[in-house]
Amino acid sequence: MEPIKIGSLTCKPLHPTFVAEISGVDFSQVPLPQNVIDDLVAAQNRFAITVYRDTGLDDARHVKFSQQLNECELCPKFGGPAQPDRFSDPHLFDAGNMNLDGTLIQKDTRRWWYNKGNALWHTDSSFNQHRSKYSLLLAHLVPQEGGDTQFADVRSAYDDLPQEKKDELEDLVIEHDLWWSRQIAAPEEFKNVTQHEKNAKQPAYHKLVQVGPDGRKTMFIAAHAKRVMGWSQEKSTKLINELLAHCTQPKYTVAVKWYHPGQLVWWDNRISMHRATPFSDQMEKRDMRRTTVFDDGPDAYGVPDAPQMELGGSLPPA
């Protein structure tokens, strides 16, 4: 596939419909000039996932660059308010397999089981009522084999749905719950969610069919999607599983390999899904740090009154 120029950037597509490797950015100059930010956002709207091989970014510039895109989420403390941070900046989410002291997270600990949820197709922070638009994941240590990140093009998957199915989905509102996806990934470990965990992340409610930043319709769906508001759990699960299977067919997916520290992958959570792939997590270290940028678009806050609408019978009937 031929490279595409977007402003000052050269974009090398890695898939026919989405994902590109980007060159032409000097990350040593963070904060970047506004015209460069504008080009980067235009590339993001076009490709949904963008890859930068050698950024030279450290924690501070990673966060500062992300904050040029909008305000960033603070890292949640699921282990309780006294849980220590592994990083100096509270905006950095720990997406690796290491403890505070640099040792490996041991198999069968709660955090090890929690990380199993990352292998499900999902979009980051859909379980927040103020959702995220971007995730920017920076490699600090990568395993010798495995540990790739797979991505799915939800826009193209939506385009290919029959019109009858699109009509069925149009007005649906979905309940997203972090602990639902963890119970799918590790049912025994998370059959009992602690009160602190429940309080830290309560469900959120978002429209299923939305318009992405490029003006194309898409679906906001993830493994966190628990049920369709107003529907039974059984009927909801059937539809959600059907849509997840449709969106993650091989023709809509691609794996991005992590080659070395300093590589950055930036994705738009509103128009894509992703999942982690296995590696030798009890033998090799994988140190990945993510910033998560709040959405500032028209659907940023979802449908917070969906539970009240459901009680009042104003949601689409089952």
Protein backbone atom coordinates (compact mmCIF):
# COMPACT_ATOMS: atom_id res chain seq x y z
CA MET A 1 0.00 0.00 0.00
CA GLU A 2 1.31 3.41 -0.98
CA PRO A 3 2.16 6.00 1.70
CA ILE A 4 -0.33 8.82 2.24
CA LYS A 5 0.65 12.40 3.06
CA ILE A 6 -1.38 14.26 5.70
CA GLY A 7 0.11 17.70 6.21
CA SER A 8 3.65 17.23 7.53
CA LEU A 9 3.13 13.50 8.15
CA THR A 10 3.87 10.43 6.06
CA CYS A 11 1.37 7.64 6.76
CA LYS A 12 2.16 4.06 5.76
CA PRO A 13 -1.07 2.02 5.87
CA LEU A 14 -0.82 -1.36 7.61
CA HIS A 15 -4.33 -2.52 6.59
CA PRO A 16 -6.63 -1.57 3.70
CA THR A 17 -9.15 0.29 5.89
CA PHE A 18 -7.35 1.43 9.07
CA VAL A 19 -4.03 1.52 11.01
CA ALA A 20 -0.95 3.36 9.75
CA GLU A 21 2.66 3.80 10.76
CA ILE A 22 3.41 7.52 10.98
CA SER A 23 6.70 9.32 10.40
CA GLY A 24 7.60 13.00 10.39
CA VAL A 25 7.07 13.81 14.09
CA ASP A 26 9.88 15.05 16.34
CA PHE A 27 8.71 14.04 19.81
CA SER A 28 11.77 15.66 21.38
CA GLN A 29 9.96 18.96 20.73
CA VAL A 30 6.97 18.18 22.99
CA PRO A 31 4.84 20.23 23.47
CA LEU A 32 4.35 20.03 19.72
CA PRO A 33 3.24 23.01 17.59
CA GLN A 34 -0.52 23.23 17.04
CA ASN A 35 -0.22 22.63 13.29
CA VAL A 36 1.50 19.29 14.01
CA ILE A 37 -1.20 18.35 16.54
CA ASP A 38 -3.83 19.17 13.89
CA ASP A 39 -2.10 16.89 11.37
CA LEU A 40 -1.84 14.10 13.96
CA VAL A 41 -5.55 14.33 14.80
CA ALA A 42 -6.41 14.29 11.08
CA ALA A 43 -4.34 11.11 10.70
CA GLN A 44 -6.06 9.64 13.73
CA ASN A 45 -9.50 10.37 12.28
CA ARG A 46 -8.46 8.72 9.02
CA PHE A 47 -6.75 5.59 10.40
CA ALA A 48 -8.14 5.15 13.98
CA ILE A 49 -4.85 3.53 15.07
CA THR A 50 -1.46 5.13 14.47
CA VAL A 51 1.98 3.67 15.20
CA TYR A 52 5.18 5.63 15.96
CA ARG A 53 8.29 3.44 16.04
CA ASP A 54 11.01 5.56 17.70
CA THR A 55 9.59 8.38 19.80
CA GLY A 56 12.24 8.76 22.49
CA LEU A 57 9.41 9.74 24.84
CA ASP A 58 9.85 9.55 28.60
CA ASP A 59 7.02 9.58 31.16
CA ALA A 60 6.88 13.37 31.44
CA ARG A 61 6.73 14.06 27.70
CA HIS A 62 4.33 11.16 27.17
CA VAL A 63 1.89 12.81 29.57
CA LYS A 64 2.52 16.33 28.27
CA PHE A 65 1.92 15.26 24.66
CA SER A 66 -1.29 13.46 25.65
CA GLN A 67 -2.55 16.55 27.48
CA GLN A 68 -2.22 18.51 24.25
CA LEU A 69 -5.10 16.33 22.97
CA ASN A 70 -7.37 16.99 25.98
CA GLU A 71 -7.49 16.37 29.71
CA CYS A 72 -6.29 12.89 30.72
CA GLU A 73 -7.80 10.35 33.10
CA LEU A 74 -6.20 9.73 36.48
CA CYS A 75 -5.12 6.14 37.02
CA PRO A 76 -7.74 4.25 39.08
CA LYS A 77 -6.70 2.57 42.34
CA PHE A 78 -8.62 -0.71 42.40
CA GLY A 79 -6.50 -1.98 45.28
CA GLY A 80 -7.72 0.82 47.54
CA PRO A 81 -6.72 4.47 48.11
CA ALA A 82 -3.47 3.44 49.83
CA GLN A 83 -2.31 1.48 46.75
CA PRO A 84 1.15 2.88 45.83
CA ASP A 85 1.88 4.13 42.32
CA ARG A 86 4.61 2.49 40.23
CA PHE A 87 5.07 5.69 38.24
CA SER A 88 5.69 9.29 39.27
CA ASP A 89 2.73 10.68 37.31
CA PRO A 90 -0.84 9.69 38.31
CA HIS A 91 -2.00 9.97 34.67
CA LEU A 92 0.02 6.89 33.68
CA PHE A 93 -1.91 3.62 33.69
CA ASP A 94 0.19 0.51 34.32
CA ALA A 95 -0.51 -1.91 31.45
CA GLY A 96 2.47 -4.17 32.21
CA ASN A 97 3.09 -7.29 34.25
CA MET A 98 5.39 -5.91 36.95
CA ASN A 99 5.00 -5.11 40.63
CA LEU A 100 6.15 -1.93 42.31
CA ASP A 101 9.58 -3.45 42.99
CA GLY A 102 10.03 -4.60 39.38
CA THR A 103 9.27 -8.27 40.02
CA LEU A 104 6.76 -10.16 37.88
CA ILE A 105 3.10 -10.27 38.89
CA GLN A 106 2.63 -13.82 40.08
CA LYS A 107 0.18 -16.21 38.50
CA ASP A 108 -3.20 -16.57 40.26
CA THR A 109 -2.95 -13.27 42.15
CA ARG A 110 -5.96 -10.99 41.77
CA ARG A 111 -4.06 -8.56 39.58
CA TRP A 112 -2.85 -11.42 37.34
CA TRP A 113 -6.45 -12.51 36.89
CA TYR A 114 -7.55 -8.90 36.38
CA ASN A 115 -5.11 -8.56 33.49
CA LYS A 116 -6.75 -11.56 31.79
CA GLY A 117 -9.58 -9.21 30.86
CA ASN A 118 -7.19 -7.38 28.54
CA ALA A 119 -7.25 -10.38 26.23
CA LEU A 120 -10.95 -9.76 25.52
CA TRP A 121 -11.92 -7.44 22.68
CA HIS A 122 -12.62 -4.10 24.31
CA THR A 123 -12.34 -0.35 24.17
CA ASP A 124 -10.69 1.47 27.06
CA SER A 125 -12.86 3.16 29.69
CA SER A 126 -16.24 2.52 28.09
CA PHE A 127 -17.27 1.74 31.69
CA ASN A 128 -16.78 5.43 32.58
CA GLN A 129 -19.71 7.79 32.14
CA HIS A 130 -17.24 10.37 30.84
CA ARG A 131 -15.61 8.09 28.32
CA SER A 132 -12.19 8.35 26.71
CA LYS A 133 -11.50 9.19 23.10
CA TYR A 134 -7.81 8.23 22.87
CA SER A 135 -5.38 5.79 24.43
CA LEU A 136 -1.64 6.29 23.94
CA LEU A 137 0.40 3.23 24.92
CA LEU A 138 4.18 3.60 25.20
CA ALA A 139 6.57 0.63 25.41
CA HIS A 140 9.34 0.67 28.04
CA LEU A 141 10.14 -3.07 27.97
CA VAL A 142 8.88 -5.57 25.41
CA PRO A 143 9.03 -9.40 25.45
CA GLN A 144 11.08 -11.24 22.85
CA GLU A 145 8.01 -13.07 21.54
CA GLY A 146 4.28 -12.39 21.68
CA GLY A 147 2.55 -9.55 23.44
CA ASP A 148 1.27 -7.97 20.22
CA THR A 149 -1.85 -5.80 20.31
CA GLN A 150 -4.70 -6.68 17.96
CA PHE A 151 -7.08 -4.03 16.67
CA ALA A 152 -10.52 -4.19 15.05
CA ASP A 153 -12.02 -1.66 12.62
CA VAL A 154 -15.50 -1.16 14.02
CA ARG A 155 -16.41 1.52 11.45
CA SER A 156 -15.99 -0.85 8.52
CA ALA A 157 -17.74 -3.62 10.44
CA TYR A 158 -20.73 -1.34 10.97
CA ASP A 159 -20.72 -0.29 7.29
CA ASP A 160 -21.08 -3.94 6.26
CA LEU A 161 -24.10 -4.70 8.44
CA PRO A 162 -27.42 -5.24 6.62
CA GLN A 163 -29.68 -2.19 6.77
CA GLU A 164 -32.25 -4.20 8.71
CA LYS A 165 -29.67 -4.84 11.46
CA LYS A 166 -28.61 -1.17 11.47
CA ASP A 167 -32.24 -0.16 11.98
CA GLU A 168 -32.52 -2.59 14.92
CA LEU A 169 -29.42 -1.14 16.59
CA GLU A 170 -30.01 2.54 15.93
CA ASP A 171 -31.59 3.66 19.23
CA LEU A 172 -30.15 1.10 21.64
CA VAL A 173 -28.35 2.13 24.84
CA ILE A 174 -25.76 -0.21 26.38
CA GLU A 175 -24.76 -0.68 30.01
CA HIS A 176 -20.96 -0.99 30.27
CA ASP A 177 -19.49 -2.57 33.40
CA LEU A 178 -15.79 -3.21 34.04
CA TRP A 179 -16.54 -6.07 36.43
CA TRP A 180 -18.72 -7.79 33.84
CA SER A 181 -15.72 -8.19 31.52
CA ARG A 182 -13.56 -9.36 34.44
CA GLN A 183 -16.17 -11.97 35.35
CA ILE A 184 -16.12 -13.20 31.74
CA ALA A 185 -12.32 -13.44 31.73
CA ALA A 186 -11.93 -14.86 35.25
CA PRO A 187 -15.31 -16.07 36.54
CA GLU A 188 -14.06 -17.75 39.71
CA GLU A 189 -11.78 -14.90 40.78
CA PHE A 190 -14.34 -12.18 40.15
CA LYS A 191 -17.53 -13.94 41.17
CA ASN A 192 -17.19 -11.78 44.29
CA VAL A 193 -16.36 -8.16 43.50
CA THR A 194 -15.29 -6.20 46.57
CA GLN A 195 -17.28 -3.20 47.72
CA HIS A 196 -14.30 -0.95 47.05
CA GLU A 197 -14.07 -2.29 43.49
CA LYS A 198 -17.78 -1.70 42.93
CA ASN A 199 -17.53 1.84 44.28
CA ALA A 200 -14.41 2.57 42.23
CA LYS A 201 -16.06 1.59 38.95
CA GLN A 202 -19.83 1.67 38.68
CA PRO A 203 -21.64 1.00 35.37
CA ALA A 204 -21.91 3.59 32.62
CA TYR A 205 -24.44 3.99 29.81
CA HIS A 206 -23.69 4.83 26.17
CA LYS A 207 -25.48 4.76 22.85
CA LEU A 208 -24.53 1.77 20.74
CA VAL A 209 -24.65 3.47 17.34
CA GLN A 210 -22.73 6.74 17.17
CA VAL A 211 -21.10 9.05 14.66
CA GLY A 212 -17.30 8.98 14.76
CA PRO A 213 -15.02 12.00 14.45
CA ASP A 214 -14.73 11.45 10.69
CA GLY A 215 -18.52 11.64 10.24
CA ARG A 216 -18.98 7.89 9.67
CA LYS A 217 -21.35 5.84 11.77
CA THR A 218 -19.85 3.26 14.09
CA MET A 219 -20.66 1.14 17.13
CA PHE A 220 -19.44 1.76 20.66
CA ILE A 221 -19.06 -1.80 21.87
CA ALA A 222 -16.65 -3.80 24.03
CA ALA A 223 -16.34 -6.80 26.30
CA HIS A 224 -17.45 -4.37 29.03
CA ALA A 225 -20.87 -4.18 27.31
CA LYS A 226 -23.15 -6.00 29.73
CA ARG A 227 -26.69 -5.49 28.50
CA VAL A 228 -29.02 -3.50 26.31
CA MET A 229 -31.09 -1.20 28.50
CA GLY A 230 -34.69 -2.39 28.55
CA TRP A 231 -33.76 -5.90 27.39
CA SER A 232 -33.33 -9.15 29.30
CA GLN A 233 -29.79 -10.30 30.06
CA GLU A 234 -30.18 -13.34 27.83
CA LYS A 235 -31.31 -11.35 24.81
CA SER A 236 -28.67 -8.69 25.45
CA THR A 237 -25.82 -11.20 25.69
CA LYS A 238 -26.89 -12.84 22.44
CA LEU A 239 -26.84 -9.53 20.53
CA ILE A 240 -23.59 -8.26 22.09
CA ASN A 241 -21.78 -11.53 21.37
CA GLU A 242 -23.11 -11.48 17.80
CA LEU A 243 -21.79 -7.94 17.26
CA LEU A 244 -18.42 -8.65 18.86
CA ALA A 245 -18.00 -11.71 16.62
CA HIS A 246 -18.96 -9.68 13.54
CA CYS A 247 -16.54 -6.82 14.32
CA THR A 248 -13.59 -9.11 15.00
CA GLN A 249 -13.65 -11.18 11.82
CA PRO A 250 -10.15 -11.46 10.30
CA LYS A 251 -10.97 -9.00 7.50
CA TYR A 252 -11.54 -6.24 10.08
CA THR A 253 -8.51 -6.95 12.30
CA VAL A 254 -4.75 -6.50 12.34
CA ALA A 255 -2.00 -7.19 14.90
CA VAL A 256 0.51 -4.48 15.74
CA LYS A 257 3.88 -5.82 16.85
CA TRP A 258 5.88 -4.12 19.58
CA TYR A 259 9.48 -3.97 18.37
CA HIS A 260 11.35 -2.01 21.02
CA PRO A 261 11.10 0.53 23.86
CA GLY A 262 10.03 3.97 22.70
CA GLN A 263 7.36 2.68 20.34
CA LEU A 264 4.01 4.43 20.77
CA VAL A 265 0.62 3.21 19.58
CA TRP A 266 -2.26 5.68 19.69
CA TRP A 267 -5.82 4.54 19.11
CA ASP A 268 -9.31 6.02 19.06
CA ASN A 269 -11.56 4.13 21.47
CA ARG A 270 -14.70 5.52 19.84
CA ILE A 271 -14.20 3.75 16.51
CA SER A 272 -12.07 0.68 17.24
CA MET A 273 -11.56 -2.23 19.61
CA HIS A 274 -8.35 -3.92 20.72
CA ARG A 275 -7.04 -6.80 22.79
CA ALA A 276 -3.74 -8.05 24.20
CA THR A 277 -2.17 -11.28 22.93
CA PRO A 278 -0.29 -13.85 25.07
CA PHE A 279 3.39 -13.86 25.96
CA SER A 280 5.50 -15.59 28.63
CA ASP A 281 4.26 -13.38 31.45
CA GLN A 282 5.90 -15.50 34.16
CA MET A 283 9.30 -15.33 32.46
CA GLU A 284 9.51 -12.01 30.61
CA LYS A 285 8.79 -8.44 31.64
CA ARG A 286 6.44 -6.25 29.61
CA ASP A 287 6.44 -2.64 30.81
CA MET A 288 3.73 -0.67 29.02
CA ARG A 289 2.43 2.72 30.16
CA ARG A 290 -0.80 4.26 28.91
CA THR A 291 -2.33 7.67 29.00
CA THR A 292 -6.08 7.85 28.42
CA VAL A 293 -7.51 11.08 27.01
CA PHE A 294 -11.06 12.15 27.87
CA ASP A 295 -13.57 12.54 25.04
CA ASP A 296 -14.79 16.05 24.31
CA GLY A 297 -17.23 15.17 21.52
CA PRO A 298 -21.05 15.20 21.51
CA ASP A 299 -21.32 11.68 23.00
CA ALA A 300 -18.58 12.15 25.61
CA TYR A 301 -20.92 11.74 28.60
CA GLY A 302 -23.13 9.03 27.14
CA VAL A 303 -26.67 8.60 28.48
CA PRO A 304 -26.30 9.00 32.27
CA ASP A 305 -30.05 8.95 32.90
CA ALA A 306 -30.55 5.60 31.12
CA PRO A 307 -31.52 3.74 34.36
CA GLN A 308 -34.25 6.29 35.04
CA MET A 309 -35.38 6.11 31.40
CA GLU A 310 -35.56 2.33 31.70
CA LEU A 311 -37.72 2.56 34.80
CA GLY A 312 -39.94 5.08 33.07
CA GLY A 313 -40.37 2.90 30.00
CA SER A 314 -38.87 5.48 27.60
CA LEU A 315 -36.18 3.20 26.14
CA PRO A 316 -36.71 1.12 22.97
CA PRO A 317 -38.79 -1.99 23.81
CA ALA A 318 -37.21 -5.43 23.88
